[in-house]
Amino acid sequence: MKTTRSVGHLSLWALALTAGFVIASCGDDGAATAPPEPTGDQTGTDQPVIDPGDGGNYQPEIDPAAFVDTIDNPYLPFASGNRWLYEEINADGETERIEVVVTNERKQVMGIAATVVHDTVMVDGQLIEDTRDWYAQDQEGNVWYLGEDVDNYEDGELVDHDGSFEAGVDGALPGIVMLADPAVGDAYRQEFYEGEAEDMGEVVRLGESVSVPFGDFTDVLVTRDWNPLEPDIVEEKYYAPGVGVVQEQKVAGEEGRGVLIEATLSS
């Protein structure tokens, strides 16, 4: 499920690092430095909802040797064959069904063999978006987002590829979508392609409980997600360990809730 489908987007889902953290080339052992102090919650008309702490100078350094083949972060278990099905009422009052499937395909991005995750969005049985997202996990357990290839449809016809970008191409940069050891207050860039894809995330709660059609969950991680290109819209995502995203809730700018209704997960 996408945070903001009209500009660069991450699924309901969405170092050499990002915004407030750094996994730089890391020397020989690829170790990450400790994160800085949390930036805190900044709100108000002249303040960003999320401040990633980089002062607008985002320059992650990526070492392909610091990445592993398997994405096994408990909050984003992207094992091949895993599948999730969501339902969401969109801003037009339509029910969207979003299917997310981890494929066995790989995409080379910035020298990294990224895992390809196939994401389709249907409204009234009609395809409106078909996306292949690219993810990779580093040695520390952080999950990176490396871009997406998007096909947008209207009335069954392919109309454009808006939202597509690839890290390392045309100034686009990768970001973190799930930290290895998330703590409340951690803020980070999830992607960066200036003017097109600028999603940010912040850990706001740990140990939450939530109920969705697929089940009842505890020890849930909640993030706040925000995009300065659509500054009025803020949402929260709920990640259950061993499952991944189970709920997405708009909390400002729009109304809407997406929930997990089915999942097939490897043990």
Protein backbone atom coordinates (compact mmCIF):
# COMPACT_ATOMS: atom_id res chain seq x y z
CA MET A 1 0.00 0.00 0.00
CA LYS A 2 1.42 3.35 -0.95
CA THR A 3 1.88 6.28 1.35
CA THR A 4 1.33 8.87 -1.35
CA ARG A 5 0.53 7.52 -4.75
CA SER A 6 0.66 10.85 -6.60
CA VAL A 7 4.34 11.48 -5.97
CA GLY A 8 7.21 9.12 -5.28
CA HIS A 9 5.84 6.47 -2.98
CA LEU A 10 6.50 3.62 -0.69
CA SER A 11 4.15 0.81 -0.11
CA LEU A 12 1.91 0.50 2.95
CA TRP A 13 4.34 -1.14 3.43
CA ALA A 14 7.58 1.75 2.56
CA LEU A 15 23.30 2.51 5.91
CA ALA A 16 25.77 3.74 4.26
CA LEU A 17 22.76 6.00 5.65
CA THR A 18 20.31 8.53 5.86
CA ALA A 19 18.94 11.29 7.74
CA GLY A 20 20.24 11.09 11.14
CA PHE A 21 22.12 7.76 10.83
CA VAL A 22 25.19 6.74 8.87
CA ILE A 23 26.32 3.39 7.56
CA ALA A 24 29.21 4.83 5.68
CA SER A 25 31.67 2.71 3.78
CA CYS A 26 32.39 1.55 7.32
CA GLY A 27 35.99 0.58 6.86
CA ASP A 28 36.78 -3.11 6.65
CA ASP A 29 34.07 -4.43 8.96
CA GLY A 30 31.07 -2.52 7.59
CA ALA A 31 29.95 -1.54 11.10
CA ALA A 32 27.43 1.24 11.59
CA THR A 33 28.01 4.25 13.81
CA ALA A 34 25.62 4.86 16.70
CA PRO A 35 22.62 7.05 15.87
CA PRO A 36 22.51 10.63 17.16
CA GLU A 37 20.06 11.82 19.76
CA PRO A 38 16.43 11.82 18.54
CA THR A 39 15.33 15.03 16.85
CA GLY A 40 11.92 15.03 18.54
CA ASP A 41 8.50 15.84 17.16
CA GLN A 42 8.42 19.09 15.25
CA THR A 43 5.01 20.35 14.28
CA GLY A 44 3.49 23.66 13.28
CA THR A 45 2.92 25.60 10.10
CA ASP A 46 6.58 26.53 9.63
CA GLN A 47 8.19 23.33 10.87
CA PRO A 48 8.53 19.93 9.21
CA VAL A 49 6.45 17.13 10.62
CA ILE A 50 9.60 14.97 10.55
CA ASP A 51 13.16 16.29 10.71
CA PRO A 52 15.63 13.62 9.59
CA GLY A 53 18.49 15.55 11.11
CA ASP A 54 20.67 15.98 8.02
CA GLY A 55 20.11 19.72 7.55
CA GLY A 56 18.98 19.09 3.99
CA ASN A 57 22.37 17.67 3.04
CA TYR A 58 21.57 14.02 2.44
CA GLN A 59 24.58 12.10 1.12
CA PRO A 60 24.44 8.39 1.98
CA GLU A 61 27.50 6.36 1.03
CA ILE A 62 26.62 2.91 -0.26
CA ASP A 63 29.00 -0.04 -0.16
CA PRO A 64 27.49 -3.01 -2.02
CA ALA A 65 29.72 -5.36 0.00
CA ALA A 66 27.86 -4.27 3.17
CA PHE A 67 24.58 -5.84 1.96
CA VAL A 68 23.30 -9.39 2.39
CA ASP A 69 21.10 -11.59 0.22
CA THR A 70 18.27 -12.15 2.70
CA ILE A 71 15.77 -9.63 4.06
CA ASP A 72 14.86 -11.06 7.45
CA ASN A 73 14.26 -7.94 9.55
CA PRO A 74 11.35 -9.06 11.76
CA TYR A 75 9.27 -6.00 10.86
CA LEU A 76 9.78 -6.53 7.09
CA PRO A 77 10.14 -10.29 6.48
CA PHE A 78 10.67 -10.24 2.72
CA ALA A 79 11.26 -13.94 2.09
CA SER A 80 10.52 -15.10 -1.46
CA GLY A 81 6.88 -16.13 -1.80
CA ASN A 82 5.57 -14.09 1.11
CA ARG A 83 2.28 -12.42 0.22
CA TRP A 84 0.05 -9.80 1.86
CA LEU A 85 -3.41 -8.57 0.83
CA TYR A 86 -4.77 -5.26 2.10
CA GLU A 87 -7.98 -3.29 1.79
CA GLU A 88 -8.10 0.49 2.01
CA ILE A 89 -10.77 3.12 1.45
CA ASN A 90 -9.12 5.80 -0.67
CA ALA A 91 -9.78 9.55 -0.71
CA ASP A 92 -12.54 9.05 -3.31
CA GLY A 93 -14.38 6.58 -1.09
CA GLU A 94 -13.41 3.63 -3.28
CA THR A 95 -12.19 0.32 -1.85
CA GLU A 96 -8.69 -0.51 -3.00
CA ARG A 97 -7.25 -4.03 -2.78
CA ILE A 98 -3.49 -4.03 -2.59
CA GLU A 99 -1.54 -7.25 -3.09
CA VAL A 100 2.15 -7.38 -2.19
CA VAL A 101 4.24 -10.40 -3.21
CA VAL A 102 7.96 -10.99 -2.66
CA THR A 103 9.29 -12.43 -5.90
CA ASN A 104 12.42 -14.50 -6.47
CA GLU A 105 13.64 -11.85 -8.92
CA ARG A 106 16.66 -9.62 -8.37
CA LYS A 107 17.36 -6.13 -9.65
CA GLN A 108 20.87 -4.70 -9.73
CA VAL A 109 20.77 -1.21 -8.21
CA MET A 110 23.97 0.67 -7.28
CA GLY A 111 25.83 -2.66 -7.39
CA ILE A 112 23.36 -4.29 -4.97
CA ALA A 113 21.28 -7.35 -5.87
CA ALA A 114 17.97 -5.97 -4.61
CA THR A 115 14.90 -8.09 -3.86
CA VAL A 116 11.98 -7.33 -6.18
CA VAL A 117 8.60 -6.94 -4.46
CA HIS A 118 5.56 -6.88 -6.75
CA ASP A 119 2.74 -4.56 -5.67
CA THR A 120 -0.61 -4.27 -7.47
CA VAL A 121 -3.55 -1.97 -6.69
CA MET A 122 -7.09 -2.85 -7.84
CA VAL A 123 -10.30 -0.79 -7.62
CA ASP A 124 -13.59 -2.50 -8.45
CA GLY A 125 -11.65 -5.36 -10.02
CA GLN A 126 -9.70 -3.03 -12.30
CA LEU A 127 -5.93 -2.62 -12.17
CA ILE A 128 -4.84 0.96 -11.46
CA GLU A 129 -1.20 0.44 -10.47
CA ASP A 130 1.41 -2.26 -11.05
CA THR A 131 4.73 -1.66 -9.30
CA ARG A 132 7.99 -3.46 -8.74
CA ASP A 133 9.77 -2.11 -5.66
CA TRP A 134 13.43 -2.82 -4.89
CA TYR A 135 14.64 -3.54 -1.36
CA ALA A 136 17.89 -4.73 0.22
CA GLN A 137 19.10 -5.39 3.76
CA ASP A 138 22.53 -4.40 5.03
CA GLN A 139 24.73 -6.40 7.39
CA GLU A 140 23.36 -4.54 10.42
CA GLY A 141 19.76 -5.47 9.56
CA ASN A 142 18.54 -2.12 8.19
CA VAL A 143 16.22 -2.50 5.18
CA TRP A 144 16.87 -0.06 2.35
CA TYR A 145 14.53 1.13 -0.38
CA LEU A 146 16.29 1.48 -3.75
CA GLY A 147 13.48 2.61 -6.04
CA GLU A 148 10.52 1.37 -8.04
CA ASP A 149 9.25 0.75 -11.54
CA VAL A 150 5.64 1.94 -11.74
CA ASP A 151 2.92 1.34 -14.35
CA ASN A 152 -0.19 3.50 -13.84
CA TYR A 153 -3.48 2.55 -15.51
CA GLU A 154 -6.78 4.28 -16.28
CA ASP A 155 -9.75 2.37 -17.68
CA GLY A 156 -7.49 -0.62 -18.28
CA GLU A 157 -4.97 1.36 -20.33
CA LEU A 158 -1.37 2.10 -19.36
CA VAL A 159 -1.09 5.88 -19.04
CA ASP A 160 2.30 6.67 -17.49
CA HIS A 161 5.11 5.63 -15.20
CA ASP A 162 4.85 8.50 -12.73
CA GLY A 163 6.53 7.72 -9.41
CA SER A 164 9.28 5.58 -10.95
CA PHE A 165 12.86 6.19 -9.86
CA GLU A 166 16.08 4.26 -9.39
CA ALA A 167 18.69 5.04 -6.74
CA GLY A 168 21.93 6.13 -8.35
CA VAL A 169 20.20 7.45 -11.48
CA ASP A 170 19.51 11.14 -12.15
CA GLY A 171 20.42 12.15 -8.61
CA ALA A 172 18.04 9.71 -6.87
CA LEU A 173 19.25 8.25 -3.58
CA PRO A 174 18.25 5.23 -1.49
CA GLY A 175 16.76 5.43 1.98
CA ILE A 176 15.86 3.27 4.96
CA VAL A 177 12.37 1.81 5.31
CA MET A 178 13.03 -0.23 8.45
CA LEU A 179 15.78 0.13 11.01
CA ALA A 180 17.63 -2.82 12.48
CA ASP A 181 17.02 -1.63 16.03
CA PRO A 182 14.22 0.98 15.96
CA ALA A 183 13.81 3.28 18.96
CA VAL A 184 11.21 5.97 19.61
CA GLY A 185 12.42 9.27 18.15
CA ASP A 186 14.54 7.76 15.37
CA ALA A 187 13.88 9.78 12.21
CA TYR A 188 15.16 8.92 8.73
CA ARG A 189 14.70 9.41 5.00
CA GLN A 190 12.97 6.50 3.27
CA GLU A 191 13.86 7.65 -0.25
CA PHE A 192 15.13 10.75 -2.01
CA TYR A 193 14.55 11.91 -5.56
CA GLU A 194 14.19 15.67 -5.35
CA GLY A 195 10.72 16.90 -6.21
CA GLU A 196 9.48 13.38 -6.87
CA ALA A 197 10.16 11.02 -3.96
CA GLU A 198 10.96 12.47 -0.53
CA ASP A 199 9.19 10.23 2.00
CA MET A 200 10.42 10.33 5.60
CA GLY A 201 9.70 8.16 8.62
CA GLU A 202 9.94 8.45 12.40
CA VAL A 203 9.46 5.80 15.07
CA VAL A 204 6.70 7.07 17.37
CA ARG A 205 5.62 4.08 19.47
CA LEU A 206 6.73 0.57 20.42
CA GLY A 207 4.79 -2.22 22.11
CA GLU A 208 1.41 -1.27 20.63
CA SER A 209 -1.51 -3.67 20.16
CA VAL A 210 -3.74 -3.62 17.08
CA SER A 211 -6.56 -5.73 15.64
CA VAL A 212 -7.15 -6.11 11.90
CA PRO A 213 -9.13 -8.69 9.89
CA PHE A 214 -6.06 -10.94 9.64
CA GLY A 215 -5.61 -11.10 13.41
CA ASP A 216 -4.69 -9.49 16.72
CA PHE A 217 -1.11 -8.34 17.25
CA THR A 218 1.06 -7.14 20.12
CA ASP A 219 4.60 -5.71 20.30
CA VAL A 220 3.69 -3.60 17.28
CA LEU A 221 6.03 -0.87 16.00
CA VAL A 222 4.33 2.36 14.87
CA THR A 223 5.96 4.89 12.55
CA ARG A 224 4.84 8.31 11.43
CA ASP A 225 5.29 8.79 7.67
CA TRP A 226 5.34 12.16 5.92
CA ASN A 227 6.28 13.67 2.59
CA PRO A 228 7.21 17.39 2.33
CA LEU A 229 5.82 17.39 -1.22
CA GLU A 230 2.36 16.81 0.31
CA PRO A 231 2.94 18.45 3.70
CA ASP A 232 -0.64 18.33 4.99
CA ILE A 233 -0.86 14.52 4.87
CA VAL A 234 0.49 12.47 7.77
CA GLU A 235 -0.05 8.77 8.34
CA GLU A 236 0.97 6.08 10.77
CA LYS A 237 2.02 2.54 9.85
CA TYR A 238 1.79 -0.44 12.18
CA TYR A 239 4.39 -3.22 11.85
CA ALA A 240 3.89 -6.56 13.63
CA PRO A 241 6.99 -8.72 14.22
CA GLY A 242 7.13 -11.70 11.91
CA VAL A 243 4.34 -10.29 9.74
CA GLY A 244 5.21 -6.78 8.53
CA VAL A 245 2.74 -3.99 7.92
CA VAL A 246 -0.70 -4.77 9.33
CA GLN A 247 -2.33 -1.33 9.31
CA GLU A 248 -1.95 2.13 7.82
CA GLN A 249 -3.92 5.03 9.32
CA LYS A 250 -4.16 8.59 8.04
CA VAL A 251 -3.87 10.94 11.03
CA ALA A 252 -3.82 14.35 9.30
CA GLY A 253 -4.78 15.87 5.95
CA GLU A 254 -6.96 12.97 4.80
CA GLU A 255 -9.07 10.20 6.28
CA GLY A 256 -8.45 6.55 5.58
CA ARG A 257 -7.37 3.23 7.05
CA GLY A 258 -5.77 0.30 5.28
CA VAL A 259 -5.75 -3.12 6.94
CA LEU A 260 -4.24 -6.53 6.34
CA ILE A 261 -6.91 -9.07 5.41
CA GLU A 262 -4.83 -12.03 4.23
CA ALA A 263 -1.20 -13.14 4.36
CA THR A 264 0.91 -16.13 3.36
CA LEU A 265 4.20 -16.15 5.22
CA SER A 266 7.09 -18.57 5.38
CA SER A 267 7.78 -20.01 8.82
